[in-house]
C-alpha atoms as a PDB file:
ATOM      1  CA  MET A   1      79.824  42.697   8.120  1.00  0.00           C
ATOM      2  CA  ALA A   2      76.231  41.790   7.239  1.00  0.00           C
ATOM      3  CA  ASP A   3      75.791  40.074  10.619  1.00  0.00           C
ATOM      4  CA  ALA A   4      77.033  43.146  12.477  1.00  0.00           C
ATOM      5  CA  VAL A   5      74.659  45.372  10.520  1.00  0.00           C
ATOM      6  CA  ARG A   6      71.735  43.075  11.345  1.00  0.00           C
ATOM      7  CA  GLN A   7      72.698  42.986  15.040  1.00  0.00           C
ATOM      8  CA  ILE A   8      72.532  46.763  15.394  1.00  0.00           C
ATOM      9  CA  GLY A   9      69.206  46.815  13.555  1.00  0.00           C
ATOM     10  CA  ILE A  10      69.934  48.817  10.404  1.00  0.00           C
ATOM     11  CA  SER A  11      69.731  47.867   6.757  1.00  0.00           C
ATOM     12  CA  GLN A  12      72.742  47.205   4.585  1.00  0.00           C
ATOM     13  CA  HIS A  13      71.771  50.210   2.451  1.00  0.00           C
ATOM     14  CA  THR A  14      71.820  52.505   5.511  1.00  0.00           C
ATOM     15  CA  PHE A  15      75.227  51.171   6.532  1.00  0.00           C
ATOM     16  CA  ASP A  16      76.621  51.698   3.043  1.00  0.00           C
ATOM     17  CA  ARG A  17      75.254  55.250   2.948  1.00  0.00           C
ATOM     18  CA  TRP A  18      76.779  56.074   6.358  1.00  0.00           C
ATOM     19  CA  ARG A  19      80.056  54.492   5.328  1.00  0.00           C
ATOM     20  CA  LYS A  20      80.164  56.575   2.147  1.00  0.00           C
ATOM     21  CA  GLN A  21      79.315  59.780   4.030  1.00  0.00           C
ATOM     22  CA  TYR A  22      81.390  59.332   7.190  1.00  0.00           C
ATOM     23  CA  GLY A  23      83.907  56.638   6.217  1.00  0.00           C
ATOM     24  CA  GLY A  24      87.007  58.803   5.940  1.00  0.00           C
ATOM     25  CA  MET A  25      86.362  60.861   9.076  1.00  0.00           C
ATOM     26  CA  ASN A  26      87.948  60.443  12.442  1.00  0.00           C
ATOM     27  CA  ARG A  27      86.064  60.950  15.705  1.00  0.00           C
ATOM     28  CA  ALA A  28      87.011  64.648  16.049  1.00  0.00           C
ATOM     29  CA  GLN A  29      85.894  65.446  12.508  1.00  0.00           C
ATOM     30  CA  LEU A  30      82.606  63.649  13.039  1.00  0.00           C
ATOM     31  CA  SER A  31      81.980  65.574  16.274  1.00  0.00           C
ATOM     32  CA  ARG A  32      82.745  68.838  14.501  1.00  0.00           C
ATOM     33  CA  LEU A  33      80.369  67.937  11.653  1.00  0.00           C
ATOM     34  CA  LYS A  34      77.532  67.230  14.098  1.00  0.00           C
ATOM     35  CA  GLU A  35      78.297  70.505  15.898  1.00  0.00           C
ATOM     36  CA  LEU A  36      78.163  72.455  12.628  1.00  0.00           C
ATOM     37  CA  GLU A  37      74.903  70.767  11.616  1.00  0.00           C
ATOM     38  CA  LYS A  38      73.298  71.822  14.918  1.00  0.00           C
ATOM     39  CA  GLU A  39      74.575  75.382  14.497  1.00  0.00           C
ATOM     40  CA  ASN A  40      73.300  75.482  10.922  1.00  0.00           C
ATOM     41  CA  LEU A  41      69.844  74.357  12.066  1.00  0.00           C
ATOM     42  CA  ARG A  42      69.802  77.010  14.804  1.00  0.00           C
ATOM     43  CA  LEU A  43      70.761  79.741  12.341  1.00  0.00           C
ATOM     44  CA  ARG A  44      68.169  78.603   9.787  1.00  0.00           C
ATOM     45  CA  ARG A  45      65.477  78.817  12.455  1.00  0.00           C
ATOM     46  CA  ALA A  46      66.642  82.286  13.463  1.00  0.00           C
ATOM     47  CA  VAL A  47      66.521  83.513   9.867  1.00  0.00           C
ATOM     48  CA  SER A  48      63.096  81.948   9.412  1.00  0.00           C
ATOM     49  CA  ASP A  49      61.754  83.631  12.553  1.00  0.00           C
ATOM     50  CA  LEU A  50      63.185  86.999  11.567  1.00  0.00           C
ATOM     51  CA  THR A  51      61.784  86.727   8.042  1.00  0.00           C
ATOM     52  CA  LEU A  52      58.337  85.927   9.392  1.00  0.00           C
ATOM     53  CA  GLU A  53      58.561  88.834  11.839  1.00  0.00           C
ATOM     54  CA  LYS A  54      59.560  91.178   9.031  1.00  0.00           C
ATOM     55  CA  LEU A  55      56.643  90.063   6.858  1.00  0.00           C
ATOM     56  CA  ILE A  56      54.187  90.576   9.719  1.00  0.00           C
ATOM     57  CA  LEU A  57      55.556  94.027  10.519  1.00  0.00           C
ATOM     58  CA  THR A  58      55.538  95.045   6.844  1.00  0.00           C
ATOM     59  CA  GLU A  59      51.947  93.936   6.471  1.00  0.00           C
ATOM     60  CA  ALA A  60      50.917  95.735   9.653  1.00  0.00           C
ATOM     61  CA  ALA A  61      52.667  98.915   8.536  1.00  0.00           C
ATOM     62  CA  GLN A  62      50.752  98.853   5.259  1.00  0.00           C
ATOM     63  CA  GLY A  63      47.478  98.418   7.101  1.00  0.00           C
ATOM     64  CA  ASN A  64      46.638  95.063   5.518  1.00  0.00           C
ATOM     65  CA  PHE A  65      45.526  93.364   8.707  1.00  0.00           C
END
């Protein structure tokens, strides 16, 4: 296994971490996980943008600009 890890250019630690995290998943579950991670990132950005907008509007409404 160490030779295979070296051939793909990752460390043994990285392989072990990936194996621990994704080891029991099949291909469909892994695809779904990646899909959910992308959706989560998109939603976090949306919330961040809306929060910033709200803060700007609140400050402008109070006349603190």
